[in-house]
N, C-alpha and C. Protein backbone atom coordinates (compact mmCIF):
# COMPACT_ATOMS: atom_id res chain seq x y z
N MET A 1 22.95 18.27 6.78
CA MET A 1 22.27 17.07 6.72
C MET A 1 21.80 16.28 5.10
N LYS A 2 21.70 15.17 4.90
CA LYS A 2 21.19 14.43 3.28
C LYS A 2 19.94 14.45 3.58
N LYS A 3 19.09 14.76 2.91
CA LYS A 3 17.54 14.19 3.13
C LYS A 3 17.46 12.98 2.18
N LYS A 4 16.87 11.81 2.94
CA LYS A 4 16.82 10.72 1.74
C LYS A 4 15.75 11.03 0.96
N LYS A 5 15.74 10.62 -0.53
CA LYS A 5 15.00 10.95 -1.51
C LYS A 5 13.77 9.40 -1.65
N LEU A 6 12.65 9.93 -1.69
CA LEU A 6 11.67 8.44 -1.43
C LEU A 6 11.60 7.97 -3.21
N SER A 7 11.70 6.70 -2.91
CA SER A 7 11.64 5.83 -4.26
C SER A 7 10.31 5.72 -4.88
N GLY A 8 9.96 5.88 -6.05
CA GLY A 8 8.81 5.96 -6.41
C GLY A 8 7.86 4.62 -6.07
N LEU A 9 8.72 3.06 -6.15
CA LEU A 9 7.73 2.24 -4.46
C LEU A 9 7.28 3.04 -3.47
N ASP A 10 8.35 3.59 -2.19
CA ASP A 10 7.68 4.20 -1.51
C ASP A 10 6.04 5.41 -1.68
N LYS A 11 6.54 5.69 -3.04
CA LYS A 11 5.58 7.12 -2.86
C LYS A 11 4.12 6.27 -2.90
N TYR A 12 4.07 5.16 -3.97
CA TYR A 12 2.81 4.64 -4.83
C TYR A 12 2.54 3.83 -3.56
N LEU A 13 2.97 3.35 -2.12
CA LEU A 13 2.77 2.52 -0.83
C LEU A 13 2.12 3.64 -0.44
N ILE A 14 2.45 4.94 -0.24
CA ILE A 14 2.04 5.58 0.80
C ILE A 14 0.99 6.19 0.17
N PHE A 15 0.35 6.94 -1.15
CA PHE A 15 -0.18 7.25 -1.82
C PHE A 15 -1.24 5.93 -1.94
N SER A 16 -1.08 5.03 -1.46
CA SER A 16 -2.10 3.84 -1.89
C SER A 16 -2.70 3.21 -0.18
N PHE A 17 -1.49 3.49 0.81
CA PHE A 17 -2.17 3.26 2.44
C PHE A 17 -3.43 4.33 2.66
N THR A 18 -2.80 6.10 2.21
CA THR A 18 -3.87 7.00 1.66
C THR A 18 -5.14 7.09 1.38
N CYS A 19 -5.02 6.20 0.30
CA CYS A 19 -6.31 6.17 -0.22
C CYS A 19 -7.28 4.80 0.26
N LEU A 20 -6.50 4.08 1.34
CA LEU A 20 -7.23 3.11 1.72
C LEU A 20 -8.20 3.45 2.95
N ILE A 21 -7.10 4.50 3.68
CA ILE A 21 -7.92 5.43 4.88
C ILE A 21 -8.94 6.10 4.57
N VAL A 22 -8.88 7.20 3.27
CA VAL A 22 -9.50 7.57 2.99
C VAL A 22 -10.96 7.45 2.25
N PHE A 23 -10.43 6.00 1.62
CA PHE A 23 -12.32 5.39 0.99
C PHE A 23 -12.36 4.70 2.50
N THR A 24 -11.86 4.27 3.73
CA THR A 24 -12.54 3.20 4.94
C THR A 24 -13.50 4.77 5.20
N ILE A 25 -13.05 5.94 5.65
CA ILE A 25 -13.58 6.33 6.74
C ILE A 25 -14.56 7.54 5.38
N VAL A 26 -14.71 7.25 4.44
CA VAL A 26 -15.75 8.17 3.24
C VAL A 26 -17.00 6.43 3.17
N MET A 27 -16.87 5.73 3.08
CA MET A 27 -17.40 4.27 3.58
C MET A 27 -18.12 4.81 5.13
N ILE A 28 -17.60 4.67 5.30
CA ILE A 28 -18.25 4.99 6.88
C ILE A 28 -19.21 5.81 7.34
N ILE A 29 -18.83 6.45 6.79
CA ILE A 29 -19.95 8.12 6.53
C ILE A 29 -20.61 7.48 5.37
N VAL A 30 -20.52 7.41 4.21
CA VAL A 30 -21.50 7.33 3.57
C VAL A 30 -22.70 6.01 4.22
N GLN A 31 -22.25 4.78 5.08
CA GLN A 31 -23.19 3.87 5.75
C GLN A 31 -24.20 4.64 6.87
N THR A 32 -23.09 5.40 7.52
CA THR A 32 -24.13 6.24 9.28
C THR A 32 -25.38 6.83 8.12
N ILE A 33 -24.90 7.84 7.26
CA ILE A 33 -25.82 8.39 6.30
C ILE A 33 -27.04 7.91 5.75
N THR A 34 -26.72 6.80 5.00
CA THR A 34 -27.95 6.18 4.12
C THR A 34 -28.03 5.01 5.07
N GLY A 35 -26.97 3.78 5.26
CA GLY A 35 -27.74 3.10 6.36
C GLY A 35 -27.75 1.77 5.41
N VAL A 36 -27.22 2.09 4.15
CA VAL A 36 -26.67 0.76 3.08
C VAL A 36 -25.18 0.61 3.29
N MET A 37 -24.67 -0.57 3.46
CA MET A 37 -23.32 -0.67 3.02
C MET A 37 -23.02 -0.98 1.75
N GLN A 38 -22.24 -1.02 0.96
CA GLN A 38 -21.22 -1.17 -0.88
C GLN A 38 -20.47 -2.45 -0.37
N ASP A 39 -21.14 -3.39 -0.38
CA ASP A 39 -20.08 -4.71 -0.03
C ASP A 39 -19.29 -5.40 -1.05
N THR A 40 -19.97 -4.72 -2.51
CA THR A 40 -19.20 -4.65 -3.71
C THR A 40 -18.35 -4.56 -3.77
N LEU A 41 -18.26 -2.57 -3.75
CA LEU A 41 -17.58 -2.01 -4.20
C LEU A 41 -16.27 -1.98 -2.79
N ILE A 42 -16.77 -2.02 -1.51
CA ILE A 42 -15.83 -2.77 -0.91
C ILE A 42 -14.80 -3.59 -0.63
N THR A 43 -15.33 -4.52 -1.61
CA THR A 43 -14.71 -5.50 -1.32
C THR A 43 -13.42 -5.69 -2.80
N CYS A 44 -14.56 -4.80 -3.66
CA CYS A 44 -13.68 -4.37 -5.23
C CYS A 44 -12.11 -3.58 -4.60
N PHE A 45 -12.67 -2.50 -4.05
CA PHE A 45 -11.48 -1.88 -3.40
C PHE A 45 -10.88 -2.42 -3.16
N PHE A 46 -10.83 -2.93 -1.86
CA PHE A 46 -9.22 -3.63 -1.20
C PHE A 46 -8.85 -5.16 -1.45
N SER A 47 -10.13 -5.57 -2.58
CA SER A 47 -9.07 -6.51 -3.32
C SER A 47 -7.78 -6.06 -4.32
N VAL A 48 -8.23 -4.96 -4.93
CA VAL A 48 -7.69 -4.11 -5.69
C VAL A 48 -6.07 -3.60 -5.12
N PHE A 49 -5.98 -2.13 -4.33
CA PHE A 49 -5.37 -1.87 -3.36
C PHE A 49 -4.33 -3.02 -2.73
N GLY A 50 -5.63 -3.82 -1.68
CA GLY A 50 -4.73 -4.88 -1.07
C GLY A 50 -4.09 -6.07 -1.57
N GLY A 51 -4.00 -6.35 -3.14
CA GLY A 51 -3.09 -7.13 -3.91
C GLY A 51 -1.84 -6.00 -4.71
N GLU A 52 -1.93 -4.98 -5.04
CA GLU A 52 -1.09 -3.87 -5.53
C GLU A 52 0.10 -4.16 -3.86
N LEU A 53 -0.63 -3.34 -2.53
CA LEU A 53 0.31 -3.86 -1.75
C LEU A 53 0.93 -4.60 -1.08
N LEU A 54 0.25 -5.96 -1.89
CA LEU A 54 0.70 -6.82 -1.80
C LEU A 54 2.29 -7.33 -2.93
N MET A 55 1.93 -7.03 -3.74
CA MET A 55 2.97 -6.91 -5.13
C MET A 55 4.12 -5.58 -4.50
N CYS A 56 4.10 -5.16 -4.31
CA CYS A 56 4.86 -3.58 -3.72
C CYS A 56 5.76 -4.38 -2.47
N ALA A 57 5.04 -5.02 -1.86
CA ALA A 57 5.93 -5.36 -0.94
C ALA A 57 6.59 -6.42 -0.59
N LEU A 58 6.46 -7.66 -1.90
CA LEU A 58 7.03 -8.34 -2.49
C LEU A 58 8.23 -7.93 -3.54
N ILE A 59 8.09 -7.12 -3.95
CA ILE A 59 9.28 -6.77 -4.99
C ILE A 59 9.69 -6.22 -3.60
N LYS A 60 9.58 -5.48 -3.32
CA LYS A 60 10.68 -4.80 -2.17
C LYS A 60 11.50 -6.16 -1.69
N ARG A 61 11.00 -7.25 -1.21
CA ARG A 61 11.77 -7.66 -0.28
C ARG A 61 12.66 -8.66 -1.23
N LEU A 62 12.02 -9.10 -2.38
CA LEU A 62 13.18 -9.67 -3.46
C LEU A 62 13.80 -8.88 -3.97
N LYS A 63 13.87 -7.52 -3.97
CA LYS A 63 14.79 -6.40 -4.08
C LYS A 63 15.96 -6.55 -3.02
N ILE A 64 15.50 -6.61 -1.85
CA ILE A 64 16.66 -6.34 -0.54
C ILE A 64 17.34 -7.94 -0.36
N LYS A 65 16.69 -8.86 -0.76
CA LYS A 65 17.30 -10.31 -0.91
C LYS A 65 18.42 -10.47 -2.15
N LYS A 66 18.14 -10.17 -3.16
CA LYS A 66 19.14 -9.68 -4.13
C LYS A 66 20.27 -8.92 -4.02
N GLU A 67 20.13 -7.93 -3.49
CA GLU A 67 20.97 -6.89 -2.34
C GLU A 67 22.23 -7.75 -2.07
N VAL A 68 20.88 -8.65 -0.48
CA VAL A 68 22.12 -9.05 0.20
C VAL A 68 23.15 -10.22 -0.39
N GLN A 69 22.29 -11.11 -1.56
CA GLN A 69 23.18 -12.00 -2.41
C GLN A 69 24.43 -11.47 -2.76
N TYR A 70 23.92 -10.43 -3.33
CA TYR A 70 25.60 -10.27 -4.31
C TYR A 70 26.50 -9.37 -3.39
N GLY A 71 26.18 -8.94 -2.35
CA GLY A 71 26.80 -8.38 -1.37
C GLY A 71 26.36 -6.54 -1.35
N GLU A 72 25.74 -6.00 -2.10
CA GLU A 72 25.58 -4.97 -2.21
C GLU A 72 25.14 -4.36 -0.32
N ILE A 73 24.86 -4.68 0.20
CA ILE A 73 24.52 -4.64 1.30
C ILE A 73 24.38 -5.65 2.88
N ASP A 74 24.61 -4.69 3.74
CA ASP A 74 25.08 -5.91 4.96
C ASP A 74 23.60 -6.27 5.41
N GLU A 75 23.41 -7.42 5.87
CA GLU A 75 21.93 -8.66 5.79
C GLU A 75 21.23 -8.36 7.31
N PRO A 76 20.23 -7.75 7.01
CA PRO A 76 19.48 -6.79 8.83
C PRO A 76 19.92 -7.81 9.56
């Protein structure tokens, strides 16, 4: 059985989700210990990675739409 190779975009999506989860856990721990929430840091971090994930999703969606349009794959 052949293993499906992950594309660079898929690897980046996994990396981004992992970063978001780790960051969230670390911020919960820091806020519990210090009692201070870093609002600006949280907003900026989620803005950057949220924007990146949105762009990756759009790229993937447009790529699938293009492949369907030119008949390279069947429409889901």
